[in-house]
Amino acid sequence: MPRRRRHDVVAFGLAALAVGAGACQADVGDAGCQLTSQVTLAGTPLTLLPDARLDQVGDGYFLLGSDGTSVRWAALSAGGTLTGEAAYALPPGVSSAYFAVAGVESPGDTVLIGYLGTDAGSGSGGLAVIAVPADGSLSTALPTTVETFPGGIPAASSVAMISSRKGMDAGLAWIDDGAGQVMVTTLDGTGMKTGTPVAVSPSSGAPFSCLGFSPGKDDLTVVYSAGTTALANHPPGWVIAEANEAGSVDSTTVLGLGRPLGVGCALVSPTVTGYGITWQDTEGAWLAEFVSQGMSLSMSYPYASAAGFGGSNLQPPLVGLAPFGTDFGVLLARPLDVELWRIDDMGNRRSGALVFPSINGTYGTVSALAPSPALAGGGPLVATYADYTSPVGASPLAGGRLFVNAACQ
């Protein structure tokens, strides 16, 4: 396939190209990508959780997740050593839990656990948070309501919590429907706010979705979609807000995708010069790059057609994005394997794919990130997922967890 010429447009405007990329790409080889490390963690109540999350804290990580009755966690070194697995039982009736690590005396010495309910004092909806020692020792702390919601208990997806990269103050973000804003604050190791919550950007009144945190350039990076896909003249904007542990927003970038998200949420990865972003719509998968120095955003380039997977509803989820020099590695969770595709900044896919290991092709949700700050050479992409040997739907689950690093040369 001939290489496309690059055309830049003014920031916040994306031009769409017809989806056709991928049709002439051969699936032979590994796209010049390799697994630089591979560790299999033994099966435990934590490692076998289908949707455990990987948070970067300092030079290492924490693995955190919930089975619906307890929140579980452990420290995970960059080399793949899991230590200090512990758990905290959730109060009866709690259906959605939020969690992150913070620090009282040192980074990551405390786990913050939040859950939604009715605030006893006001009768409004509330987010209660309790601070638990990360070593699993008995906690004497009581939950404290850190935020109330006058409209009642909000949807679980309207609140997000994450560990900061420094590991002392955790990030908390939520959608304030009444004010038409996304708010952000930080919580210290005792579970208390470090300051007054701030709005990520001026009130827009636009519908918000896909609220979460992403690897970024600062201590904490809030991301979400603002806009509607119902009107052609109101395409969604993808917001990237860089915040610090003090709870201040240092910068906000709004990328006008020019196309509806359609399928899932966008993924963002920091680069030396800005950000890479990938998303899916009903036609296929798209890639764009924001270059902050020139205040320019490249055109959106298609690199996979939905038709190639049998239709828009059969597209495999995009679960990871990492820069590799001027290329990007995009991680896809296919039905029987996890694959890393290599895409250049104009949407050309390198031949082949790096297939991640799995015993039977039965695996849990992939949690992946490009460790921050972004390196000049890009990468690696770090990923973890439960790898099951038991049949689908079996109870109890059996197997282990993969922790892998991948890089493209």
Protein backbone atom coordinates (compact mmCIF):
# COMPACT_ATOMS: atom_id res chain seq x y z
CA MET A 1 0.00 0.00 0.00
CA PRO A 2 1.49 3.42 -0.91
CA ARG A 3 2.33 5.70 1.98
CA ARG A 4 -0.06 8.61 2.43
CA ARG A 5 1.15 12.17 2.45
CA ARG A 6 0.65 13.92 5.76
CA HIS A 7 -1.63 16.96 5.98
CA ASP A 8 -1.95 18.96 9.21
CA VAL A 9 -4.97 20.98 10.16
CA VAL A 10 -5.63 23.54 12.86
CA ALA A 11 -5.99 22.10 16.37
CA PHE A 12 -9.41 20.75 17.32
CA GLY A 13 -10.38 20.01 13.69
CA LEU A 14 -10.05 16.54 12.23
CA ALA A 15 -10.67 15.64 8.63
CA ALA A 16 -12.02 12.17 7.99
CA LEU A 17 -10.77 9.76 5.39
CA ALA A 18 -12.70 6.86 3.94
CA VAL A 19 -11.97 3.64 5.77
CA GLY A 20 -9.89 1.41 3.62
CA ALA A 21 -6.71 0.85 5.58
CA GLY A 22 -5.89 -2.69 6.49
CA ALA A 23 -7.38 -4.24 3.38
CA CYS A 24 -3.98 -4.65 1.74
CA GLN A 25 -2.06 -5.42 4.90
CA ALA A 26 -0.59 -8.90 5.24
CA ASP A 27 -0.82 -10.53 8.65
CA VAL A 28 2.61 -12.15 8.42
CA GLY A 29 5.34 -11.46 10.96
CA ASP A 30 5.45 -9.60 14.25
CA ALA A 31 5.47 -6.01 12.89
CA GLY A 32 8.95 -5.53 14.33
CA CYS A 33 7.60 -5.85 17.89
CA GLN A 34 8.71 -8.19 20.67
CA LEU A 35 7.80 -9.15 24.20
CA THR A 36 10.68 -7.78 26.27
CA SER A 37 9.48 -9.53 29.42
CA GLN A 38 6.83 -12.08 30.30
CA VAL A 39 5.87 -13.16 33.82
CA THR A 40 3.10 -15.57 34.81
CA LEU A 41 1.64 -14.78 38.23
CA ALA A 42 0.12 -17.67 40.17
CA GLY A 43 -3.66 -17.83 40.42
CA THR A 44 -5.02 -16.08 43.53
CA PRO A 45 -8.28 -14.33 44.39
CA LEU A 46 -6.67 -11.11 43.12
CA THR A 47 -4.81 -12.28 40.03
CA LEU A 48 -7.81 -14.24 38.75
CA LEU A 49 -10.14 -11.24 38.89
CA PRO A 50 -11.37 -10.72 35.32
CA ASP A 51 -11.03 -6.93 35.39
CA ALA A 52 -8.20 -6.07 37.80
CA ARG A 53 -6.57 -2.71 37.02
CA LEU A 54 -2.91 -1.82 36.74
CA ASP A 55 -1.88 1.57 38.23
CA GLN A 56 1.59 3.01 37.84
CA VAL A 57 3.04 4.19 41.16
CA GLY A 58 6.62 5.43 41.09
CA ASP A 59 8.84 2.94 39.30
CA GLY A 60 6.42 0.08 39.93
CA TYR A 61 2.72 -0.72 39.88
CA PHE A 62 -0.25 -1.75 41.95
CA LEU A 63 -2.78 -4.36 40.85
CA LEU A 64 -6.25 -3.54 42.19
CA GLY A 65 -9.73 -4.92 41.64
CA SER A 66 -13.03 -5.96 43.16
CA ASP A 67 -15.01 -9.18 43.10
CA GLY A 68 -18.19 -7.39 44.18
CA THR A 69 -17.83 -8.23 47.87
CA SER A 70 -14.22 -7.16 48.52
CA VAL A 71 -11.57 -4.87 47.10
CA ARG A 72 -8.25 -6.66 46.55
CA TRP A 73 -4.78 -5.29 45.86
CA ALA A 74 -1.05 -5.99 45.83
CA ALA A 75 2.13 -4.20 44.82
CA LEU A 76 3.64 -5.33 41.53
CA SER A 77 7.25 -4.53 40.73
CA ALA A 78 8.42 -3.51 37.26
CA GLY A 79 10.03 -6.95 37.09
CA GLY A 80 6.74 -8.73 37.75
CA THR A 81 7.01 -9.64 41.45
CA LEU A 82 3.68 -9.49 43.29
CA THR A 83 3.85 -8.72 47.04
CA GLY A 84 1.52 -7.91 49.90
CA GLU A 85 -1.77 -9.24 48.53
CA ALA A 86 -4.58 -8.04 50.79
CA ALA A 87 -8.33 -7.40 50.77
CA TYR A 88 -11.04 -5.27 52.37
CA ALA A 89 -14.66 -6.42 52.67
CA LEU A 90 -17.16 -3.94 51.23
CA PRO A 91 -20.25 -2.95 53.21
CA PRO A 92 -23.38 -4.97 52.39
CA GLY A 93 -25.32 -3.68 49.41
CA VAL A 94 -22.41 -1.93 47.71
CA SER A 95 -22.48 -2.68 43.99
CA SER A 96 -19.80 -0.33 42.65
CA ALA A 97 -16.45 0.28 44.32
CA TYR A 98 -13.69 2.75 43.49
CA PHE A 99 -10.11 2.31 44.61
CA ALA A 100 -6.63 3.77 44.46
CA VAL A 101 -3.46 3.84 46.51
CA ALA A 102 -2.20 6.90 48.40
CA GLY A 103 0.37 7.64 51.06
CA VAL A 104 0.43 8.75 54.70
CA GLU A 105 4.12 8.24 55.39
CA SER A 106 5.33 6.83 52.08
CA PRO A 107 3.92 6.37 48.55
CA GLY A 108 1.41 3.54 48.29
CA ASP A 109 1.21 2.72 52.01
CA THR A 110 -2.57 3.19 52.02
CA VAL A 111 -5.45 2.00 49.86
CA LEU A 112 -8.44 4.29 49.45
CA ILE A 113 -11.77 2.56 48.88
CA GLY A 114 -14.85 4.50 47.82
CA TYR A 115 -18.45 3.57 47.23
CA LEU A 116 -21.72 5.35 46.41
CA GLY A 117 -24.71 5.51 48.68
CA THR A 118 -27.12 7.86 50.44
CA ASP A 119 -25.44 10.41 52.68
CA ALA A 120 -26.98 10.04 56.14
CA GLY A 121 -26.54 13.72 56.94
CA SER A 122 -28.16 15.30 53.89
CA GLY A 123 -30.18 12.50 52.32
CA SER A 124 -28.40 13.24 49.01
CA GLY A 125 -26.25 10.82 47.14
CA GLY A 126 -22.74 10.58 48.49
CA LEU A 127 -19.33 9.08 47.85
CA ALA A 128 -17.90 7.56 51.00
CA VAL A 129 -14.17 6.83 51.20
CA ILE A 130 -12.24 4.79 53.75
CA ALA A 131 -8.45 4.61 54.09
CA VAL A 132 -7.06 1.11 54.71
CA PRO A 133 -3.40 0.19 55.37
CA ALA A 134 -1.95 -1.34 52.21
CA ASP A 135 -0.24 -4.08 54.23
CA GLY A 136 -3.66 -5.51 55.10
CA SER A 137 -3.44 -4.74 58.82
CA LEU A 138 -6.62 -3.92 60.73
CA SER A 139 -7.97 -0.44 60.08
CA THR A 140 -9.69 1.61 62.76
CA ALA A 141 -10.70 4.34 60.32
CA LEU A 142 -14.33 5.02 59.49
CA PRO A 143 -15.66 5.92 56.05
CA THR A 144 -16.13 9.63 55.38
CA THR A 145 -18.40 11.21 52.79
CA VAL A 146 -16.04 13.23 50.60
CA GLU A 147 -18.58 14.42 48.01
CA THR A 148 -22.36 14.73 47.93
CA PHE A 149 -24.63 14.67 44.89
CA PRO A 150 -27.87 16.68 45.39
CA GLY A 151 -29.55 14.88 42.51
CA GLY A 152 -29.25 11.53 44.26
CA ILE A 153 -26.89 8.62 43.77
CA PRO A 154 -25.23 9.14 40.37
CA ALA A 155 -24.51 6.51 37.76
CA ALA A 156 -21.42 4.49 38.60
CA SER A 157 -19.75 5.61 35.37
CA SER A 158 -19.96 9.28 36.40
CA VAL A 159 -17.24 8.84 39.06
CA ALA A 160 -13.61 7.76 38.62
CA MET A 161 -10.69 7.22 40.99
CA ILE A 162 -7.03 6.41 40.29
CA SER A 163 -3.63 6.26 41.98
CA SER A 164 -1.31 9.11 41.09
CA ARG A 165 2.08 8.39 39.61
CA LYS A 166 3.75 9.81 42.74
CA GLY A 167 1.64 7.56 44.97
CA MET A 168 0.84 10.07 47.73
CA ASP A 169 -2.48 11.71 46.74
CA ALA A 170 -5.06 9.83 44.65
CA GLY A 171 -7.18 11.39 41.91
CA LEU A 172 -10.96 11.67 42.04
CA ALA A 173 -13.15 12.98 39.21
CA TRP A 174 -16.90 13.14 38.72
CA ILE A 175 -19.55 14.59 36.44
CA ASP A 176 -21.52 17.46 37.99
CA ASP A 177 -24.71 17.31 35.95
CA GLY A 178 -26.21 20.35 37.65
CA ALA A 179 -23.29 22.63 36.78
CA GLY A 180 -22.58 20.94 33.44
CA GLN A 181 -18.95 20.38 34.41
CA VAL A 182 -16.43 17.67 35.14
CA MET A 183 -14.83 18.20 38.54
CA VAL A 184 -11.51 16.91 39.82
CA THR A 185 -9.81 16.81 43.21
CA THR A 186 -7.22 14.74 45.04
CA LEU A 187 -7.47 12.70 48.22
CA ASP A 188 -4.63 12.32 50.70
CA GLY A 189 -3.61 9.17 52.53
CA THR A 190 -6.39 9.64 55.09
CA GLY A 191 -9.03 9.80 52.36
CA MET A 192 -9.66 13.52 52.78
CA LYS A 193 -9.67 16.15 50.03
CA THR A 194 -6.41 18.03 49.67
CA GLY A 195 -8.23 21.19 48.55
CA THR A 196 -11.32 22.60 46.89
CA PRO A 197 -12.48 20.63 43.80
CA VAL A 198 -11.91 22.45 40.52
CA ALA A 199 -13.69 22.31 37.18
CA VAL A 200 -11.67 20.70 34.44
CA SER A 201 -12.97 23.25 31.93
CA PRO A 202 -15.69 25.92 31.78
CA SER A 203 -19.25 24.69 31.84
CA SER A 204 -20.26 23.44 28.43
CA GLY A 205 -23.65 21.91 29.10
CA ALA A 206 -22.64 19.11 26.73
CA PRO A 207 -23.31 15.47 27.55
CA PHE A 208 -20.26 13.82 29.09
CA SER A 209 -19.21 10.21 28.74
CA CYS A 210 -16.17 7.94 29.02
CA LEU A 211 -14.95 9.67 32.19
CA GLY A 212 -11.72 8.15 33.43
CA PHE A 213 -8.02 8.60 34.04
CA SER A 214 -5.25 7.85 31.58
CA PRO A 215 -1.47 7.68 31.54
CA GLY A 216 -0.36 11.22 30.77
CA LYS A 217 2.26 13.87 31.33
CA ASP A 218 1.40 15.04 34.86
CA ASP A 219 0.70 13.27 38.16
CA LEU A 220 -2.90 12.60 37.06
CA THR A 221 -4.58 12.83 33.67
CA VAL A 222 -8.38 13.13 33.43
CA VAL A 223 -9.98 12.15 30.12
CA TYR A 224 -13.57 12.19 28.87
CA SER A 225 -15.79 12.85 25.88
CA ALA A 226 -17.80 16.06 25.74
CA GLY A 227 -20.47 16.43 23.09
CA THR A 228 -23.13 14.43 21.37
CA THR A 229 -23.02 11.95 18.54
CA ALA A 230 -26.66 12.61 17.62
CA LEU A 231 -25.98 15.77 15.60
CA ALA A 232 -23.56 15.86 12.69
CA ASN A 233 -22.62 19.47 13.46
CA HIS A 234 -21.80 18.61 17.07
CA PRO A 235 -19.09 15.95 16.93
CA PRO A 236 -17.63 14.92 20.27
CA GLY A 237 -14.55 16.55 21.70
CA TRP A 238 -12.05 14.43 23.60
CA VAL A 239 -10.79 16.29 26.68
CA ILE A 240 -7.34 15.65 28.20
CA ALA A 241 -6.74 17.50 31.47
CA GLU A 242 -3.35 17.28 33.17
CA ALA A 243 -3.63 17.66 36.95
CA ASN A 244 -1.15 17.49 39.80
CA GLU A 245 -1.30 15.92 43.25
CA ALA A 246 -2.35 19.24 44.76
CA GLY A 247 -5.60 18.98 42.81
CA SER A 248 -4.88 21.77 40.32
CA VAL A 249 -5.41 21.43 36.59
CA ASP A 250 -2.22 22.52 34.83
CA SER A 251 -3.43 22.22 31.24
CA THR A 252 -6.49 21.20 29.24
CA THR A 253 -6.48 19.99 25.65
CA VAL A 254 -9.66 19.48 23.65
CA LEU A 255 -9.37 17.38 20.51
CA GLY A 256 -12.26 17.62 18.08
CA LEU A 257 -12.49 14.08 16.75
CA GLY A 258 -14.72 15.09 13.87
CA ARG A 259 -16.34 11.66 14.01
CA PRO A 260 -18.57 9.97 16.59
CA LEU A 261 -16.95 7.54 19.00
CA GLY A 262 -19.59 4.97 18.15
CA VAL A 263 -17.81 1.96 19.67
CA GLY A 264 -16.17 2.17 23.08
CA CYS A 265 -14.10 5.09 24.33
CA ALA A 266 -10.94 6.68 22.95
CA LEU A 267 -7.47 5.80 24.18
CA VAL A 268 -4.80 8.44 24.74
CA SER A 269 -1.05 8.11 25.15
CA PRO A 270 1.46 10.89 25.79
CA THR A 271 4.25 11.43 23.30
CA VAL A 272 7.33 13.64 23.44
CA THR A 273 5.55 16.27 21.33
CA GLY A 274 1.93 15.87 22.41
CA TYR A 275 -0.54 12.98 22.41
CA GLY A 276 -1.59 10.06 20.29
CA ILE A 277 -5.28 9.14 20.26
CA THR A 278 -7.16 6.18 18.81
CA TRP A 279 -10.85 5.32 18.74
CA GLN A 280 -13.49 3.34 16.86
CA ASP A 281 -16.70 4.25 15.13
CA THR A 282 -19.11 2.21 13.04
CA GLU A 283 -16.73 2.31 10.05
CA GLY A 284 -13.56 1.19 11.79
CA ALA A 285 -10.57 2.26 13.90
CA TRP A 286 -8.88 5.65 13.65
CA LEU A 287 -5.62 7.22 14.76
CA ALA A 288 -4.62 10.87 15.16
CA GLU A 289 -1.70 12.73 16.71
CA PHE A 290 -1.72 16.05 18.51
CA VAL A 291 1.51 18.08 18.38
CA SER A 292 1.48 20.66 21.15
CA GLN A 293 4.45 22.75 20.01
CA GLY A 294 2.89 23.57 16.65
CA MET A 295 -0.67 23.61 18.03
CA SER A 296 -1.62 21.27 15.25
CA LEU A 297 -3.53 18.04 15.04
CA SER A 298 -2.90 15.58 12.27
CA MET A 299 -5.75 14.29 10.20
CA SER A 300 -7.52 11.23 11.51
CA TYR A 301 -6.32 8.16 9.67
CA PRO A 302 -8.19 4.84 9.41
CA TYR A 303 -6.13 1.71 10.04
CA ALA A 304 -8.75 -1.03 10.40
CA SER A 305 -12.09 -1.45 8.67
CA ALA A 306 -15.07 -2.65 10.69
CA ALA A 307 -16.05 -4.77 7.70
CA GLY A 308 -12.78 -6.66 8.04
CA PHE A 309 -14.00 -7.98 11.41
CA GLY A 310 -17.49 -8.81 10.18
CA GLY A 311 -19.21 -5.55 11.15
CA SER A 312 -19.02 -2.66 13.61
CA ASN A 313 -20.42 -4.72 16.48
CA LEU A 314 -17.69 -7.35 16.01
CA GLN A 315 -14.71 -4.99 16.16
CA PRO A 316 -12.31 -6.11 18.90
CA PRO A 317 -11.98 -3.59 21.74
CA LEU A 318 -8.98 -1.26 21.68
CA VAL A 319 -7.26 -1.81 25.04
CA GLY A 320 -3.84 -0.16 24.80
CA LEU A 321 -1.89 2.57 23.04
CA ALA A 322 1.82 3.39 23.26
CA PRO A 323 4.23 5.49 21.18
CA PHE A 324 7.20 3.76 19.56
CA GLY A 325 9.29 6.48 17.96
CA THR A 326 7.12 7.96 15.21
CA ASP A 327 4.88 4.87 15.23
CA PHE A 328 2.22 3.73 17.67
CA GLY A 329 1.46 0.33 19.12
CA VAL A 330 -2.27 -0.38 19.33
CA LEU A 331 -3.40 -3.29 21.48
CA LEU A 332 -6.56 -5.16 20.44
CA ALA A 333 -8.44 -7.73 22.53
CA ARG A 334 -9.48 -10.21 19.84
CA PRO A 335 -11.81 -13.14 20.61
CA LEU A 336 -8.99 -15.67 21.15
CA ASP A 337 -5.88 -13.58 21.61
CA VAL A 338 -4.45 -10.16 22.43
CA GLU A 339 -2.60 -8.57 19.50
CA LEU A 340 -0.28 -5.59 19.20
CA TRP A 341 -0.54 -3.78 15.86
CA ARG A 342 2.05 -1.26 14.73
CA ILE A 343 0.63 1.85 13.07
CA ASP A 344 2.59 4.83 11.78
CA ASP A 345 1.40 8.40 12.32
CA MET A 346 -0.48 8.35 9.01
CA GLY A 347 -2.44 5.20 9.67
CA ASN A 348 -0.29 2.73 7.74
CA ARG A 349 -0.16 -0.63 9.46
CA ARG A 350 3.10 -2.56 9.53
CA SER A 351 2.74 -6.11 8.28
CA GLY A 352 2.01 -8.69 10.97
CA ALA A 353 1.08 -8.49 14.62
CA LEU A 354 2.65 -9.43 17.94
CA VAL A 355 0.40 -12.03 19.57
CA PHE A 356 0.48 -11.99 23.37
CA PRO A 357 0.62 -15.33 25.21
CA SER A 358 -2.43 -17.25 26.42
CA ILE A 359 -2.85 -20.92 27.31
CA ASN A 360 -6.35 -21.47 25.92
CA GLY A 361 -7.27 -18.08 24.48
CA THR A 362 -9.60 -17.46 27.41
CA TYR A 363 -8.58 -14.30 29.20
CA GLY A 364 -9.96 -11.44 31.26
CA THR A 365 -10.07 -7.71 30.59
CA VAL A 366 -6.71 -6.34 29.49
CA SER A 367 -5.30 -3.48 31.58
CA ALA A 368 -2.52 -1.75 29.65
CA LEU A 369 -0.57 1.49 29.83
CA ALA A 370 2.48 3.24 28.47
CA PRO A 371 4.49 4.14 31.58
CA SER A 372 4.87 7.89 32.06
CA PRO A 373 6.69 10.05 31.36
CA ALA A 374 6.91 9.19 27.68
CA LEU A 375 10.47 8.34 26.67
CA ALA A 376 12.20 9.76 23.62
CA GLY A 377 12.33 6.32 22.03
CA GLY A 378 8.78 5.47 23.03
CA GLY A 379 7.38 2.49 24.88
CA PRO A 380 7.26 0.06 26.40
CA LEU A 381 3.64 -0.99 26.51
CA VAL A 382 2.88 -2.79 29.76
CA ALA A 383 -0.15 -5.07 30.03
CA THR A 384 -1.70 -7.56 32.40
CA TYR A 385 -4.66 -9.92 32.11
CA ALA A 386 -6.01 -13.03 33.79
CA ASP A 387 -5.30 -16.13 31.69
CA TYR A 388 -7.76 -18.93 32.45
CA THR A 389 -7.32 -22.67 32.15
CA SER A 390 -10.87 -23.32 33.38
CA PRO A 391 -13.80 -23.38 30.93
CA VAL A 392 -15.77 -20.21 30.30
CA GLY A 393 -18.25 -19.65 33.13
CA ALA A 394 -16.59 -22.15 35.46
CA SER A 395 -16.56 -21.54 39.21
CA PRO A 396 -14.09 -21.39 40.77
CA LEU A 397 -11.81 -19.96 38.10
CA ALA A 398 -8.42 -21.54 37.49
CA GLY A 399 -5.31 -20.28 35.78
CA GLY A 400 -2.93 -17.39 36.36
CA ARG A 401 -2.20 -13.83 35.27
CA LEU A 402 0.17 -12.58 32.59
CA PHE A 403 2.28 -9.48 33.11
CA VAL A 404 4.08 -8.52 29.93
CA ASN A 405 6.14 -5.71 28.44
CA ALA A 406 6.24 -5.15 24.70
CA ALA A 407 8.32 -2.87 22.48
CA CYS A 408 8.62 -2.14 18.78
CA GLN A 409 11.99 -1.41 17.19
